[in-house]
Amino acid sequence: MTIVPLLPNHWPAVEKIYQDGIDTGQATFETTTPSWEVWDKGHFDTPRLVMLDNSNKVQGWAALSPVSKRKVYSGVAEVSVYIATNHRGKGIGKRLLEELIIQSETAEVWMLQAVTFPENEASVKLHQSLGFRLVGRREKIAQQHGIWRDTVLLERRATDG
């Protein structure tokens, strides 16, 4: 398997993996995927990554989005990591997140944050295994299908920050 930059031609596979994550009810408050144009505009140009298998099929993706439009927060980014349903639990998420961290520091991102549902224990453990610390729990922050949900906030500082 190989990690390469996420390009527009990867979008159909990335979008399917994203929708599969949405369908679990444990990945995001979103209910549908955006268009490529909307997704592209909402994420940093780099790093954005895909894991390809030996036949160049996308197995997972990871990208960063800004947490604010304010200049003072330009070095702070939110992490997204999604893995194809039949490839979860195989270490793909860890490899993608490791590479995302390395490339984020090269891109002068000094703090990464991850927001997830506390019930998504695999995501919480993955982030903690790579140096993210639990900052806190936000209770009933938004509704998903009419039910109030909590999220947990994790963060990781750059190694030189």
C-alpha atoms as a PDB file:
ATOM      1  CA  MET A   1       0.000   0.000   0.000  1.00  0.00           C
ATOM      2  CA  THR A   2       1.106   3.524  -0.792  1.00  0.00           C
ATOM      3  CA  ILE A   3       0.200   6.965   0.540  1.00  0.00           C
ATOM      4  CA  VAL A   4      -0.104   9.641  -2.144  1.00  0.00           C
ATOM      5  CA  PRO A   5      -1.634  13.124  -2.369  1.00  0.00           C
ATOM      6  CA  LEU A   6      -5.430  13.151  -2.674  1.00  0.00           C
ATOM      7  CA  LEU A   7      -6.249  14.424  -6.164  1.00  0.00           C
ATOM      8  CA  PRO A   8      -9.559  15.313  -7.849  1.00  0.00           C
ATOM      9  CA  ASN A   9      -9.602  11.969  -9.673  1.00  0.00           C
ATOM     10  CA  HIS A  10      -9.698  10.205  -6.262  1.00  0.00           C
ATOM     11  CA  TRP A  11     -12.921  12.012  -5.309  1.00  0.00           C
ATOM     12  CA  PRO A  12     -15.437   9.319  -6.327  1.00  0.00           C
ATOM     13  CA  ALA A  13     -13.727   6.747  -4.079  1.00  0.00           C
ATOM     14  CA  VAL A  14     -13.072   9.314  -1.312  1.00  0.00           C
ATOM     15  CA  GLU A  15     -16.712  10.404  -1.432  1.00  0.00           C
ATOM     16  CA  LYS A  16     -17.917   6.801  -1.104  1.00  0.00           C
ATOM     17  CA  ILE A  17     -15.661   6.183   1.895  1.00  0.00           C
ATOM     18  CA  TYR A  18     -16.860   9.463   3.416  1.00  0.00           C
ATOM     19  CA  GLN A  19     -20.515   8.492   2.892  1.00  0.00           C
ATOM     20  CA  ASP A  20     -19.878   5.052   4.398  1.00  0.00           C
ATOM     21  CA  GLY A  21     -18.464   6.831   7.465  1.00  0.00           C
ATOM     22  CA  ILE A  22     -21.489   9.122   7.605  1.00  0.00           C
ATOM     23  CA  ASP A  23     -23.770   6.091   7.399  1.00  0.00           C
ATOM     24  CA  THR A  24     -22.237   4.579  10.554  1.00  0.00           C
ATOM     25  CA  GLY A  25     -23.640   7.468  12.591  1.00  0.00           C
ATOM     26  CA  GLN A  26     -20.333   7.591  14.494  1.00  0.00           C
ATOM     27  CA  ALA A  27     -18.117   9.678  12.215  1.00  0.00           C
ATOM     28  CA  THR A  28     -19.704  13.106  11.785  1.00  0.00           C
ATOM     29  CA  PHE A  29     -22.846  15.164  12.164  1.00  0.00           C
ATOM     30  CA  GLU A  30     -22.974  15.484   8.361  1.00  0.00           C
ATOM     31  CA  THR A  31     -25.703  13.480   6.652  1.00  0.00           C
ATOM     32  CA  THR A  32     -24.504  13.680   3.042  1.00  0.00           C
ATOM     33  CA  THR A  33     -21.232  14.299   1.315  1.00  0.00           C
ATOM     34  CA  PRO A  34     -20.557  17.621  -0.374  1.00  0.00           C
ATOM     35  CA  SER A  35     -19.597  18.103  -4.001  1.00  0.00           C
ATOM     36  CA  TRP A  36     -15.903  17.948  -4.855  1.00  0.00           C
ATOM     37  CA  GLU A  37     -15.863  21.728  -5.257  1.00  0.00           C
ATOM     38  CA  VAL A  38     -17.287  22.330  -1.777  1.00  0.00           C
ATOM     39  CA  TRP A  39     -15.032  19.704  -0.166  1.00  0.00           C
ATOM     40  CA  ASP A  40     -11.963  21.060  -1.992  1.00  0.00           C
ATOM     41  CA  LYS A  41     -12.668  24.633  -0.894  1.00  0.00           C
ATOM     42  CA  GLY A  42     -13.145  23.567   2.728  1.00  0.00           C
ATOM     43  CA  HIS A  43      -9.807  21.751   3.075  1.00  0.00           C
ATOM     44  CA  PHE A  44      -6.180  22.805   2.936  1.00  0.00           C
ATOM     45  CA  ASP A  45      -4.468  22.021  -0.357  1.00  0.00           C
ATOM     46  CA  THR A  46      -1.814  20.117   1.536  1.00  0.00           C
ATOM     47  CA  PRO A  47      -1.636  17.784   3.209  1.00  0.00           C
ATOM     48  CA  ARG A  48      -4.511  15.720   1.902  1.00  0.00           C
ATOM     49  CA  LEU A  49      -3.747  12.063   1.447  1.00  0.00           C
ATOM     50  CA  VAL A  50      -5.112   8.748   0.199  1.00  0.00           C
ATOM     51  CA  MET A  51      -3.907   5.219   0.870  1.00  0.00           C
ATOM     52  CA  LEU A  52      -3.849   3.157  -2.318  1.00  0.00           C
ATOM     53  CA  ASP A  53      -3.654  -0.620  -2.483  1.00  0.00           C
ATOM     54  CA  ASN A  54      -1.529  -2.453  -5.075  1.00  0.00           C
ATOM     55  CA  SER A  55      -4.227  -1.956  -7.725  1.00  0.00           C
ATOM     56  CA  ASN A  56      -4.453   1.797  -6.986  1.00  0.00           C
ATOM     57  CA  LYS A  57      -7.821   1.471  -5.234  1.00  0.00           C
ATOM     58  CA  VAL A  58      -8.386   4.031  -2.454  1.00  0.00           C
ATOM     59  CA  GLN A  59      -8.517   2.344   0.966  1.00  0.00           C
ATOM     60  CA  GLY A  60      -8.741   5.488   3.071  1.00  0.00           C
ATOM     61  CA  TRP A  61      -8.131   9.205   3.144  1.00  0.00           C
ATOM     62  CA  ALA A  62      -7.009  11.959   5.498  1.00  0.00           C
ATOM     63  CA  ALA A  63      -7.095  15.725   5.170  1.00  0.00           C
ATOM     64  CA  LEU A  64      -6.949  18.957   7.135  1.00  0.00           C
ATOM     65  CA  SER A  65      -9.419  21.801   7.257  1.00  0.00           C
ATOM     66  CA  PRO A  66      -9.014  25.221   8.867  1.00  0.00           C
ATOM     67  CA  VAL A  67     -10.691  25.738  12.234  1.00  0.00           C
ATOM     68  CA  SER A  68     -11.152  29.457  11.596  1.00  0.00           C
ATOM     69  CA  LYS A  69     -10.789  32.064   8.872  1.00  0.00           C
ATOM     70  CA  ARG A  70      -8.986  34.373  11.310  1.00  0.00           C
ATOM     71  CA  LYS A  71      -5.285  34.842  10.522  1.00  0.00           C
ATOM     72  CA  VAL A  72      -4.193  34.132  14.109  1.00  0.00           C
ATOM     73  CA  TYR A  73      -5.501  30.553  13.750  1.00  0.00           C
ATOM     74  CA  SER A  74      -3.802  29.842  10.419  1.00  0.00           C
ATOM     75  CA  GLY A  75      -1.584  27.222  12.051  1.00  0.00           C
ATOM     76  CA  VAL A  76      -4.484  25.307  13.584  1.00  0.00           C
ATOM     77  CA  ALA A  77      -6.223  22.577  11.616  1.00  0.00           C
ATOM     78  CA  GLU A  78      -8.912  19.958  12.117  1.00  0.00           C
ATOM     79  CA  VAL A  79      -8.119  16.377  11.157  1.00  0.00           C
ATOM     80  CA  SER A  80     -10.372  14.103   9.096  1.00  0.00           C
ATOM     81  CA  VAL A  81      -9.494  10.420   8.682  1.00  0.00           C
ATOM     82  CA  TYR A  82     -11.852   7.950   6.984  1.00  0.00           C
ATOM     83  CA  ILE A  83     -11.200   4.307   6.121  1.00  0.00           C
ATOM     84  CA  ALA A  84     -13.099   2.076   3.691  1.00  0.00           C
ATOM     85  CA  THR A  85     -15.541  -0.166   5.545  1.00  0.00           C
ATOM     86  CA  ASN A  86     -13.815  -3.432   4.628  1.00  0.00           C
ATOM     87  CA  HIS A  87     -10.353  -2.086   5.560  1.00  0.00           C
ATOM     88  CA  ARG A  88     -10.984  -0.751   9.057  1.00  0.00           C
ATOM     89  CA  GLY A  89      -8.850  -2.184  11.839  1.00  0.00           C
ATOM     90  CA  LYS A  90      -5.874  -2.906   9.551  1.00  0.00           C
ATOM     91  CA  GLY A  91      -3.647   0.037  10.558  1.00  0.00           C
ATOM     92  CA  ILE A  92      -4.497   2.182   7.528  1.00  0.00           C
ATOM     93  CA  GLY A  93      -5.855   5.003   9.676  1.00  0.00           C
ATOM     94  CA  LYS A  94      -2.710   5.039  11.785  1.00  0.00           C
ATOM     95  CA  ARG A  95      -0.433   5.171   8.749  1.00  0.00           C
ATOM     96  CA  LEU A  96      -2.479   7.972   7.189  1.00  0.00           C
ATOM     97  CA  LEU A  97      -2.599   9.976  10.417  1.00  0.00           C
ATOM     98  CA  GLU A  98       1.152   9.523  10.986  1.00  0.00           C
ATOM     99  CA  GLU A  99       1.872  10.900   7.513  1.00  0.00           C
ATOM    100  CA  LEU A 100      -0.678  13.683   7.944  1.00  0.00           C
ATOM    101  CA  ILE A 101       1.093  14.757  11.148  1.00  0.00           C
ATOM    102  CA  ILE A 102       4.510  14.779   9.456  1.00  0.00           C
ATOM    103  CA  GLN A 103       3.256  16.771   6.476  1.00  0.00           C
ATOM    104  CA  SER A 104       1.241  19.158   8.646  1.00  0.00           C
ATOM    105  CA  GLU A 105       4.363  20.171  10.533  1.00  0.00           C
ATOM    106  CA  THR A 106       6.195  20.769   7.248  1.00  0.00           C
ATOM    107  CA  ALA A 107       3.227  22.956   6.228  1.00  0.00           C
ATOM    108  CA  GLU A 108       3.667  25.021   9.436  1.00  0.00           C
ATOM    109  CA  VAL A 109       0.571  23.720  11.171  1.00  0.00           C
ATOM    110  CA  TRP A 110       1.413  23.970  14.863  1.00  0.00           C
ATOM    111  CA  MET A 111      -1.721  22.418  16.338  1.00  0.00           C
ATOM    112  CA  LEU A 112      -4.037  19.666  15.122  1.00  0.00           C
ATOM    113  CA  GLN A 113      -7.439  19.035  16.582  1.00  0.00           C
ATOM    114  CA  ALA A 114      -9.784  16.115  16.199  1.00  0.00           C
ATOM    115  CA  VAL A 115     -13.457  16.135  17.108  1.00  0.00           C
ATOM    116  CA  THR A 116     -15.255  12.821  17.396  1.00  0.00           C
ATOM    117  CA  PHE A 117     -18.123  11.148  19.161  1.00  0.00           C
ATOM    118  CA  PRO A 118     -17.023   9.618  22.479  1.00  0.00           C
ATOM    119  CA  GLU A 119     -18.649   6.339  21.405  1.00  0.00           C
ATOM    120  CA  ASN A 120     -16.173   6.147  18.494  1.00  0.00           C
ATOM    121  CA  GLU A 121     -13.583   4.556  20.735  1.00  0.00           C
ATOM    122  CA  ALA A 122     -11.410   3.393  17.821  1.00  0.00           C
ATOM    123  CA  SER A 123     -10.978   6.993  16.648  1.00  0.00           C
ATOM    124  CA  VAL A 124     -10.231   8.279  20.154  1.00  0.00           C
ATOM    125  CA  LYS A 125      -7.641   5.528  20.720  1.00  0.00           C
ATOM    126  CA  LEU A 126      -6.059   6.091  17.301  1.00  0.00           C
ATOM    127  CA  HIS A 127      -5.551   9.789  17.940  1.00  0.00           C
ATOM    128  CA  GLN A 128      -4.274   9.233  21.482  1.00  0.00           C
ATOM    129  CA  SER A 129      -1.780   6.632  20.211  1.00  0.00           C
ATOM    130  CA  LEU A 130      -0.206   9.362  18.058  1.00  0.00           C
ATOM    131  CA  GLY A 131       0.138  12.032  20.736  1.00  0.00           C
ATOM    132  CA  PHE A 132      -3.280  13.673  20.755  1.00  0.00           C
ATOM    133  CA  ARG A 133      -4.530  14.495  24.239  1.00  0.00           C
ATOM    134  CA  LEU A 134      -8.124  14.652  25.346  1.00  0.00           C
ATOM    135  CA  VAL A 135      -8.979  18.298  25.963  1.00  0.00           C
ATOM    136  CA  GLY A 136     -12.585  17.831  26.950  1.00  0.00           C
ATOM    137  CA  ARG A 137     -16.103  16.758  26.230  1.00  0.00           C
ATOM    138  CA  ARG A 138     -18.699  19.053  24.697  1.00  0.00           C
ATOM    139  CA  GLU A 139     -22.103  17.935  25.895  1.00  0.00           C
ATOM    140  CA  LYS A 140     -25.132  18.057  23.625  1.00  0.00           C
ATOM    141  CA  ILE A 141     -23.295  20.224  21.108  1.00  0.00           C
ATOM    142  CA  ALA A 142     -25.528  19.332  18.150  1.00  0.00           C
ATOM    143  CA  GLN A 143     -28.311  17.043  17.071  1.00  0.00           C
ATOM    144  CA  GLN A 144     -27.989  14.019  14.844  1.00  0.00           C
ATOM    145  CA  HIS A 145     -31.317  12.760  13.510  1.00  0.00           C
ATOM    146  CA  GLY A 146     -33.117  14.645  16.286  1.00  0.00           C
ATOM    147  CA  ILE A 147     -30.940  13.298  19.107  1.00  0.00           C
ATOM    148  CA  TRP A 148     -28.509  15.514  21.028  1.00  0.00           C
ATOM    149  CA  ARG A 149     -24.937  14.179  20.831  1.00  0.00           C
ATOM    150  CA  ASP A 150     -21.737  14.877  22.704  1.00  0.00           C
ATOM    151  CA  THR A 151     -18.306  15.167  21.119  1.00  0.00           C
ATOM    152  CA  VAL A 152     -14.810  14.927  22.514  1.00  0.00           C
ATOM    153  CA  LEU A 153     -12.038  17.297  21.499  1.00  0.00           C
ATOM    154  CA  LEU A 154      -8.482  16.034  21.146  1.00  0.00           C
ATOM    155  CA  GLU A 155      -5.430  18.082  20.206  1.00  0.00           C
ATOM    156  CA  ARG A 156      -1.816  17.548  19.276  1.00  0.00           C
ATOM    157  CA  ARG A 157       0.913  20.185  19.260  1.00  0.00           C
ATOM    158  CA  ALA A 158       3.716  20.186  16.707  1.00  0.00           C
ATOM    159  CA  THR A 159       6.937  18.647  17.991  1.00  0.00           C
ATOM    160  CA  ASP A 160       8.791  21.972  17.776  1.00  0.00           C
ATOM    161  CA  GLY A 161       5.851  24.015  19.117  1.00  0.00           C
END
